[in-house]
């Protein structure tokens, strides 16, 4: 089975632009996509998030999201560090939610007001990639793109493995794409 495509900066921009302009639920969809691309979250983890996982008692987005062991693939809790651009998107999305929601409500709901399952969220993200005409992209593309981008910026594989929740750095290494631009930059380090 082929691995999910890693996106270029241009493809990522196109994905976000198309989602902003074409999606009926643009803020929700952008937030879901960005959690995979900017935080490296698995689609099942995104679908399982509750409002209380991302905001404090004043409904302000927290600097870290703690994923409970029950919702991670490895069944080990892990912390997600929220970068500034993701923080802004989450805060913007939270403002769109009805004030009647309780903190324990799922963060993302479908148009029928039920929460996404891992499978329905994966299918939904797949449709967003298709709308943006990005061939080969799947719900796992965000995670692979995130790891590849961090690796290309010099983040060590041990740190990446911890951030991704991988028990083995070999697993993390399989996620990272190597491209000509990275090799050109590496050659210039000499």
Protein backbone atom coordinates (compact mmCIF):
# COMPACT_ATOMS: atom_id res chain seq x y z
CA UNK A 1 0.00 0.00 0.00
CA UNK A 2 1.36 3.42 -0.99
CA UNK A 3 1.92 5.99 1.72
CA UNK A 4 -0.21 9.11 1.88
CA UNK A 5 1.11 12.00 -0.16
CA UNK A 6 3.06 14.74 1.59
CA UNK A 7 1.91 18.15 0.44
CA UNK A 8 4.04 20.97 -0.90
CA UNK A 9 3.52 24.48 0.50
CA UNK A 10 1.62 25.38 -2.69
CA UNK A 11 -0.68 22.35 -2.36
CA UNK A 12 -1.32 23.11 1.30
CA UNK A 13 -2.19 26.72 0.44
CA UNK A 14 -4.53 25.52 -2.33
CA UNK A 15 -6.18 23.05 0.06
CA UNK A 16 -6.84 25.78 2.63
CA UNK A 17 -7.98 28.30 -0.03
CA UNK A 18 -10.40 25.83 -1.64
CA UNK A 19 -11.73 24.80 1.78
CA UNK A 20 -12.25 28.46 2.77
CA UNK A 21 -14.11 29.26 -0.44
CA UNK A 22 -16.03 26.04 -1.11
CA UNK A 23 -16.87 24.44 2.22
CA UNK A 24 -20.21 25.12 3.85
CA UNK A 25 -18.47 24.59 7.21
CA UNK A 26 -15.17 26.25 6.36
CA UNK A 27 -14.01 27.04 9.93
CA UNK A 28 -14.68 23.49 11.10
CA UNK A 29 -13.03 21.94 8.06
CA UNK A 30 -9.98 24.24 8.18
CA UNK A 31 -9.55 23.48 11.87
CA UNK A 32 -9.73 19.73 11.30
CA UNK A 33 -7.24 19.91 8.42
CA UNK A 34 -4.88 22.17 10.32
CA UNK A 35 -4.84 19.91 13.37
CA UNK A 36 -3.41 17.19 11.12
CA UNK A 37 -1.03 19.51 9.24
CA UNK A 38 0.14 21.80 12.07
CA UNK A 39 -0.06 19.45 15.06
CA UNK A 40 0.45 16.05 13.44
CA UNK A 41 -2.72 14.62 14.93
CA UNK A 42 -4.23 11.43 13.55
CA UNK A 43 -7.71 11.83 12.11
CA UNK A 44 -9.16 9.59 14.85
CA UNK A 45 -7.61 11.83 17.49
CA UNK A 46 -9.11 14.91 15.82
CA UNK A 47 -12.54 13.27 15.67
CA UNK A 48 -12.35 12.30 19.36
CA UNK A 49 -11.48 15.78 20.67
CA UNK A 50 -13.87 17.37 23.11
CA UNK A 51 -14.20 21.11 23.67
CA UNK A 52 -12.64 20.72 27.12
CA UNK A 53 -9.53 19.17 25.52
CA UNK A 54 -8.63 22.43 23.79
CA UNK A 55 -9.99 25.26 25.96
CA UNK A 56 -9.72 26.30 29.59
CA UNK A 57 -12.66 27.22 31.82
CA UNK A 58 -12.82 30.69 30.16
CA UNK A 59 -13.03 29.13 26.69
CA UNK A 60 -9.54 30.30 25.77
CA UNK A 61 -7.49 27.90 23.68
CA UNK A 62 -4.74 26.24 25.69
CA UNK A 63 -1.09 26.11 24.61
CA UNK A 64 -1.17 22.30 24.83
CA UNK A 65 -3.74 19.66 24.06
CA UNK A 66 -3.50 16.53 26.19
CA UNK A 67 -4.67 13.48 24.29
CA UNK A 68 -6.03 10.83 26.63
CA UNK A 69 -4.60 7.35 26.19
CA UNK A 70 -8.04 6.08 25.18
CA UNK A 71 -8.04 8.14 21.96
CA UNK A 72 -4.47 7.57 20.77
CA UNK A 73 -3.41 4.71 18.52
CA UNK A 74 -0.63 3.70 20.92
CA UNK A 75 -2.99 3.87 23.93
CA UNK A 76 -0.49 6.23 25.62
CA UNK A 77 -1.45 9.77 26.54
CA UNK A 78 0.52 12.49 24.80
CA UNK A 79 0.77 16.24 24.68
CA UNK A 80 0.24 18.23 21.53
CA UNK A 81 1.97 21.60 21.50
CA UNK A 82 -0.26 24.09 19.69
CA UNK A 83 1.65 26.44 17.36
CA UNK A 84 0.52 30.07 17.09
CA UNK A 85 -1.26 29.73 13.74
CA UNK A 86 -3.18 26.69 15.03
CA UNK A 87 -3.99 28.53 18.25
CA UNK A 88 -5.52 31.38 16.22
CA UNK A 89 -7.54 28.96 14.07
CA UNK A 90 -8.84 27.08 17.11
CA UNK A 91 -9.84 30.34 18.83
CA UNK A 92 -11.63 31.46 15.67
CA UNK A 93 -13.42 28.11 15.39
CA UNK A 94 -14.45 28.07 19.06
CA UNK A 95 -16.20 31.42 18.50
CA UNK A 96 -18.43 29.79 15.86
CA UNK A 97 -19.73 27.12 18.23
CA UNK A 98 -23.14 27.55 19.87
CA UNK A 99 -22.85 28.87 23.43
CA UNK A 100 -25.24 26.12 24.56
CA UNK A 101 -22.61 23.39 24.07
CA UNK A 102 -21.19 21.83 27.20
CA UNK A 103 -17.40 21.54 27.63
CA UNK A 104 -17.61 17.77 27.25
CA UNK A 105 -19.26 18.03 23.80
CA UNK A 106 -17.23 16.78 20.85
CA UNK A 107 -15.31 19.62 19.23
CA UNK A 108 -16.36 18.66 15.71
CA UNK A 109 -19.83 17.62 14.61
CA UNK A 110 -21.27 16.64 11.27
CA UNK A 111 -23.99 18.64 9.55
CA UNK A 112 -26.49 16.29 11.22
CA UNK A 113 -25.05 17.34 14.61
CA UNK A 114 -23.58 13.96 15.45
CA UNK A 115 -19.88 13.72 16.13
CA UNK A 116 -17.41 12.46 13.55
CA UNK A 117 -16.05 8.96 13.92
CA UNK A 118 -12.50 8.29 12.79
CA UNK A 119 -13.91 6.78 9.60
CA UNK A 120 -16.35 9.59 8.78
CA UNK A 121 -13.66 12.20 9.52
CA UNK A 122 -11.20 10.36 7.23
CA UNK A 123 -13.78 10.28 4.44
CA UNK A 124 -14.57 13.95 4.99
CA UNK A 125 -10.91 15.02 4.78
CA UNK A 126 -10.52 12.83 1.68
CA UNK A 127 -13.33 14.81 0.01
CA UNK A 128 -11.61 18.10 0.92
CA UNK A 129 -8.36 16.91 -0.69
CA UNK A 130 -10.32 15.83 -3.78
CA UNK A 131 -12.03 19.24 -3.99
CA UNK A 132 -8.58 20.83 -4.00
CA UNK A 133 -7.51 18.38 -6.76
CA UNK A 134 -4.65 16.94 -4.70
CA UNK A 135 -4.14 13.42 -5.96
CA UNK A 136 -2.78 10.78 -3.59
CA UNK A 137 -3.63 12.72 -0.44
CA UNK A 138 -5.46 10.99 2.40
CA UNK A 139 -6.41 11.83 5.97
CA UNK A 140 -2.87 10.77 6.90
CA UNK A 141 -1.25 13.33 4.57
CA UNK A 142 -1.33 16.03 7.22
CA UNK A 143 0.61 13.93 9.70
CA UNK A 144 3.20 12.89 7.09
CA UNK A 145 3.56 16.46 5.82
CA UNK A 146 3.98 17.75 9.39
CA UNK A 147 6.72 15.22 10.21
CA UNK A 148 8.50 15.80 6.90
CA UNK A 149 8.38 19.58 7.32
CA UNK A 150 9.74 19.45 10.88
CA UNK A 151 12.48 17.04 9.81
CA UNK A 152 13.50 19.33 6.95
CA UNK A 153 13.84 22.16 9.50
CA UNK A 154 16.33 20.09 11.47
CA UNK A 155 14.16 18.66 14.25
CA UNK A 156 15.77 15.41 15.37
CA UNK A 157 14.05 12.10 14.81
CA UNK A 158 13.93 11.36 18.56
CA UNK A 159 11.97 14.58 19.19
CA UNK A 160 9.73 13.85 16.21
CA UNK A 161 9.00 10.32 17.50
CA UNK A 162 7.98 11.72 20.88
CA UNK A 163 5.80 14.43 19.32
CA UNK A 164 4.14 11.88 17.02
CA UNK A 165 3.57 9.39 19.81
CA UNK A 166 5.70 6.71 18.16
CA UNK A 167 7.40 4.16 20.40
CA UNK A 168 10.08 3.58 17.77
CA UNK A 169 12.10 6.09 15.75
CA UNK A 170 11.99 3.59 12.88
CA UNK A 171 8.25 4.21 12.62
CA UNK A 172 8.85 7.95 12.53
CA UNK A 173 11.52 7.59 9.84
CA UNK A 174 9.03 5.82 7.57
CA UNK A 175 6.77 8.88 7.71
CA UNK A 176 9.41 11.34 6.55
CA UNK A 177 9.69 12.03 2.85
CA UNK A 178 13.02 13.06 1.38
CA UNK A 179 12.91 15.37 -1.62
CA UNK A 180 15.34 17.18 -3.90
CA UNK A 181 14.98 20.49 -2.06
CA UNK A 182 15.98 18.88 1.24
CA UNK A 183 18.99 17.23 -0.37
CA UNK A 184 20.01 20.55 -2.01
CA UNK A 185 19.84 22.30 1.37
CA UNK A 186 21.76 19.47 3.04
CA UNK A 187 24.50 19.69 0.39
CA UNK A 188 24.89 23.41 1.14
CA UNK A 189 25.55 22.74 4.84
CA UNK A 190 29.11 21.61 4.09
